[in-house]
């Protein structure tokens, strides 16, 4: 195999692995403990979308969700607003309650050039 082709393939593989990290962070966020129902997941991500869409983003902004059927609930709170790699980003604390137990998770969300919000590894 030509060295240039091998380098390109290696870089492509590394990029694919790095792109999976945010998805894995989101999955692990939702599968620890008793887990969230599909409706809990929908409510959680709707809340995150509302929070990410709040302009201007400020530390202290928060959004809550609650599912009376599962007793799942949560609060998403912006802890810090910053720029990274030219993207608008914010560190968000996700407090999620399932099965009567609350857990806190912190994820960094950044807005891509297409306007989509993604977690940053």
C-alpha atoms as a PDB file:
ATOM      1  CA  UNK A   1       0.000   0.000   0.000  1.00  0.00           C
ATOM      2  CA  UNK A   2       1.297   3.453  -0.831  1.00  0.00           C
ATOM      3  CA  UNK A   3       2.372   5.533   2.193  1.00  0.00           C
ATOM      4  CA  UNK A   4       0.066   8.420   1.261  1.00  0.00           C
ATOM      5  CA  UNK A   5      -2.952   6.103   0.946  1.00  0.00           C
ATOM      6  CA  UNK A   6      -2.098   4.444   4.258  1.00  0.00           C
ATOM      7  CA  UNK A   7      -1.866   7.857   5.931  1.00  0.00           C
ATOM      8  CA  UNK A   8      -5.254   8.882   4.488  1.00  0.00           C
ATOM      9  CA  UNK A   9      -6.869   5.638   5.635  1.00  0.00           C
ATOM     10  CA  UNK A  10      -5.385   6.026   9.114  1.00  0.00           C
ATOM     11  CA  UNK A  11      -6.624   9.616   9.363  1.00  0.00           C
ATOM     12  CA  UNK A  12     -10.099   8.582   8.176  1.00  0.00           C
ATOM     13  CA  UNK A  13     -10.257   5.764  10.740  1.00  0.00           C
ATOM     14  CA  UNK A  14      -9.138   8.115  13.527  1.00  0.00           C
ATOM     15  CA  UNK A  15     -11.773  10.679  12.522  1.00  0.00           C
ATOM     16  CA  UNK A  16     -14.486   7.992  12.583  1.00  0.00           C
ATOM     17  CA  UNK A  17     -13.435   6.878  16.064  1.00  0.00           C
ATOM     18  CA  UNK A  18     -13.435  10.476  17.315  1.00  0.00           C
ATOM     19  CA  UNK A  19     -16.889  11.122  15.834  1.00  0.00           C
ATOM     20  CA  UNK A  20     -18.277   8.118  17.713  1.00  0.00           C
ATOM     21  CA  UNK A  21     -17.156   9.480  21.098  1.00  0.00           C
ATOM     22  CA  UNK A  22     -20.009  12.027  21.421  1.00  0.00           C
ATOM     23  CA  UNK A  23     -22.581   9.408  20.464  1.00  0.00           C
ATOM     24  CA  UNK A  24     -21.169   7.030  23.068  1.00  0.00           C
ATOM     25  CA  UNK A  25     -21.292   9.797  25.673  1.00  0.00           C
ATOM     26  CA  UNK A  26     -24.957  10.367  24.900  1.00  0.00           C
ATOM     27  CA  UNK A  27     -25.735   6.649  25.086  1.00  0.00           C
ATOM     28  CA  UNK A  28     -23.903   6.176  28.386  1.00  0.00           C
ATOM     29  CA  UNK A  29     -25.743   9.221  29.739  1.00  0.00           C
ATOM     30  CA  UNK A  30     -29.027   7.446  29.139  1.00  0.00           C
ATOM     31  CA  UNK A  31     -28.231   3.877  30.116  1.00  0.00           C
ATOM     32  CA  UNK A  32     -26.751   4.112  33.603  1.00  0.00           C
ATOM     33  CA  UNK A  33     -28.790   3.187  36.651  1.00  0.00           C
ATOM     34  CA  UNK A  34     -32.436   2.280  36.062  1.00  0.00           C
ATOM     35  CA  UNK A  35     -32.364   3.940  32.666  1.00  0.00           C
ATOM     36  CA  UNK A  36     -34.842   6.153  30.925  1.00  0.00           C
ATOM     37  CA  UNK A  37     -37.957   5.136  29.063  1.00  0.00           C
ATOM     38  CA  UNK A  38     -38.261   6.080  25.387  1.00  0.00           C
ATOM     39  CA  UNK A  39     -40.592   8.916  26.433  1.00  0.00           C
ATOM     40  CA  UNK A  40     -38.052  10.053  29.070  1.00  0.00           C
ATOM     41  CA  UNK A  41     -35.407  10.152  26.331  1.00  0.00           C
ATOM     42  CA  UNK A  42     -37.667  12.235  24.103  1.00  0.00           C
ATOM     43  CA  UNK A  43     -38.448  14.669  26.913  1.00  0.00           C
ATOM     44  CA  UNK A  44     -34.765  14.895  27.899  1.00  0.00           C
ATOM     45  CA  UNK A  45     -33.594  15.654  24.365  1.00  0.00           C
ATOM     46  CA  UNK A  46     -36.463  18.093  23.775  1.00  0.00           C
ATOM     47  CA  UNK A  47     -35.329  19.924  26.925  1.00  0.00           C
ATOM     48  CA  UNK A  48     -31.710  19.936  25.733  1.00  0.00           C
ATOM     49  CA  UNK A  49     -32.803  21.282  22.336  1.00  0.00           C
ATOM     50  CA  UNK A  50     -34.751  24.097  24.011  1.00  0.00           C
ATOM     51  CA  UNK A  51     -31.756  24.959  26.194  1.00  0.00           C
ATOM     52  CA  UNK A  52     -29.315  24.853  23.268  1.00  0.00           C
ATOM     53  CA  UNK A  53     -31.686  27.069  21.270  1.00  0.00           C
ATOM     54  CA  UNK A  54     -31.902  29.763  23.953  1.00  0.00           C
ATOM     55  CA  UNK A  55     -30.233  32.964  22.752  1.00  0.00           C
ATOM     56  CA  UNK A  56     -28.173  34.392  24.138  1.00  0.00           C
ATOM     57  CA  UNK A  57     -26.671  31.385  25.908  1.00  0.00           C
ATOM     58  CA  UNK A  58     -25.734  32.318  29.468  1.00  0.00           C
ATOM     59  CA  UNK A  59     -24.389  30.427  32.448  1.00  0.00           C
ATOM     60  CA  UNK A  60     -27.337  29.700  34.705  1.00  0.00           C
ATOM     61  CA  UNK A  61     -29.886  29.167  31.901  1.00  0.00           C
ATOM     62  CA  UNK A  62     -31.820  25.978  32.606  1.00  0.00           C
ATOM     63  CA  UNK A  63     -34.661  23.859  31.305  1.00  0.00           C
ATOM     64  CA  UNK A  64     -36.530  21.039  33.046  1.00  0.00           C
ATOM     65  CA  UNK A  65     -38.480  17.993  31.943  1.00  0.00           C
ATOM     66  CA  UNK A  66     -40.740  15.552  33.761  1.00  0.00           C
ATOM     67  CA  UNK A  67     -42.580  12.351  32.892  1.00  0.00           C
ATOM     68  CA  UNK A  68     -45.392  11.571  35.382  1.00  0.00           C
ATOM     69  CA  UNK A  69     -45.834   8.086  33.859  1.00  0.00           C
ATOM     70  CA  UNK A  70     -42.288   6.949  34.706  1.00  0.00           C
ATOM     71  CA  UNK A  71     -41.534   9.440  37.491  1.00  0.00           C
ATOM     72  CA  UNK A  72     -38.413  10.354  35.516  1.00  0.00           C
ATOM     73  CA  UNK A  73     -37.370  13.988  35.523  1.00  0.00           C
ATOM     74  CA  UNK A  74     -34.411  16.235  35.042  1.00  0.00           C
ATOM     75  CA  UNK A  75     -32.888  19.659  34.853  1.00  0.00           C
ATOM     76  CA  UNK A  76     -30.356  20.811  32.276  1.00  0.00           C
ATOM     77  CA  UNK A  77     -28.274  23.832  33.295  1.00  0.00           C
ATOM     78  CA  UNK A  78     -25.647  25.793  31.364  1.00  0.00           C
ATOM     79  CA  UNK A  79     -22.529  26.055  33.532  1.00  0.00           C
ATOM     80  CA  UNK A  80     -20.190  27.842  31.133  1.00  0.00           C
ATOM     81  CA  UNK A  81     -20.371  29.465  27.685  1.00  0.00           C
ATOM     82  CA  UNK A  82     -17.271  29.562  25.460  1.00  0.00           C
ATOM     83  CA  UNK A  83     -15.926  29.100  21.930  1.00  0.00           C
ATOM     84  CA  UNK A  84     -13.931  26.100  20.772  1.00  0.00           C
ATOM     85  CA  UNK A  85     -12.580  25.569  17.274  1.00  0.00           C
ATOM     86  CA  UNK A  86     -14.645  28.514  16.069  1.00  0.00           C
ATOM     87  CA  UNK A  87     -17.865  26.950  17.409  1.00  0.00           C
ATOM     88  CA  UNK A  88     -20.207  28.332  20.059  1.00  0.00           C
ATOM     89  CA  UNK A  89     -20.147  25.878  22.957  1.00  0.00           C
ATOM     90  CA  UNK A  90     -21.474  25.495  26.451  1.00  0.00           C
ATOM     91  CA  UNK A  91     -20.878  23.089  29.283  1.00  0.00           C
ATOM     92  CA  UNK A  92     -24.198  21.687  30.487  1.00  0.00           C
ATOM     93  CA  UNK A  93     -24.945  19.827  33.698  1.00  0.00           C
ATOM     94  CA  UNK A  94     -27.699  17.264  33.254  1.00  0.00           C
ATOM     95  CA  UNK A  95     -29.382  16.241  36.523  1.00  0.00           C
ATOM     96  CA  UNK A  96     -31.447  13.147  35.744  1.00  0.00           C
ATOM     97  CA  UNK A  97     -33.735  11.358  38.204  1.00  0.00           C
ATOM     98  CA  UNK A  98     -34.853   7.770  37.519  1.00  0.00           C
ATOM     99  CA  UNK A  99     -36.050   5.197  39.997  1.00  0.00           C
ATOM    100  CA  UNK A 100     -35.905   7.812  42.758  1.00  0.00           C
ATOM    101  CA  UNK A 101     -32.162   8.315  42.289  1.00  0.00           C
ATOM    102  CA  UNK A 102     -30.617  11.463  40.844  1.00  0.00           C
ATOM    103  CA  UNK A 103     -27.379  11.542  38.890  1.00  0.00           C
ATOM    104  CA  UNK A 104     -25.417  14.442  37.452  1.00  0.00           C
ATOM    105  CA  UNK A 105     -23.694  14.364  34.091  1.00  0.00           C
ATOM    106  CA  UNK A 106     -21.684  17.113  32.403  1.00  0.00           C
ATOM    107  CA  UNK A 107     -21.458  17.337  28.650  1.00  0.00           C
ATOM    108  CA  UNK A 108     -20.067  20.008  26.364  1.00  0.00           C
ATOM    109  CA  UNK A 109     -22.415  20.930  23.521  1.00  0.00           C
ATOM    110  CA  UNK A 110     -21.132  22.815  20.456  1.00  0.00           C
ATOM    111  CA  UNK A 111     -23.007  24.238  17.477  1.00  0.00           C
ATOM    112  CA  UNK A 112     -21.571  22.986  14.197  1.00  0.00           C
ATOM    113  CA  UNK A 113     -21.305  25.112  11.068  1.00  0.00           C
ATOM    114  CA  UNK A 114     -24.607  23.563   9.893  1.00  0.00           C
ATOM    115  CA  UNK A 115     -26.321  24.842  13.053  1.00  0.00           C
ATOM    116  CA  UNK A 116     -26.688  21.410  14.629  1.00  0.00           C
ATOM    117  CA  UNK A 117     -25.758  20.959  18.309  1.00  0.00           C
ATOM    118  CA  UNK A 118     -23.476  18.014  19.077  1.00  0.00           C
ATOM    119  CA  UNK A 119     -21.650  16.818  22.137  1.00  0.00           C
ATOM    120  CA  UNK A 120     -17.909  17.340  22.145  1.00  0.00           C
ATOM    121  CA  UNK A 121     -15.626  14.592  23.399  1.00  0.00           C
END
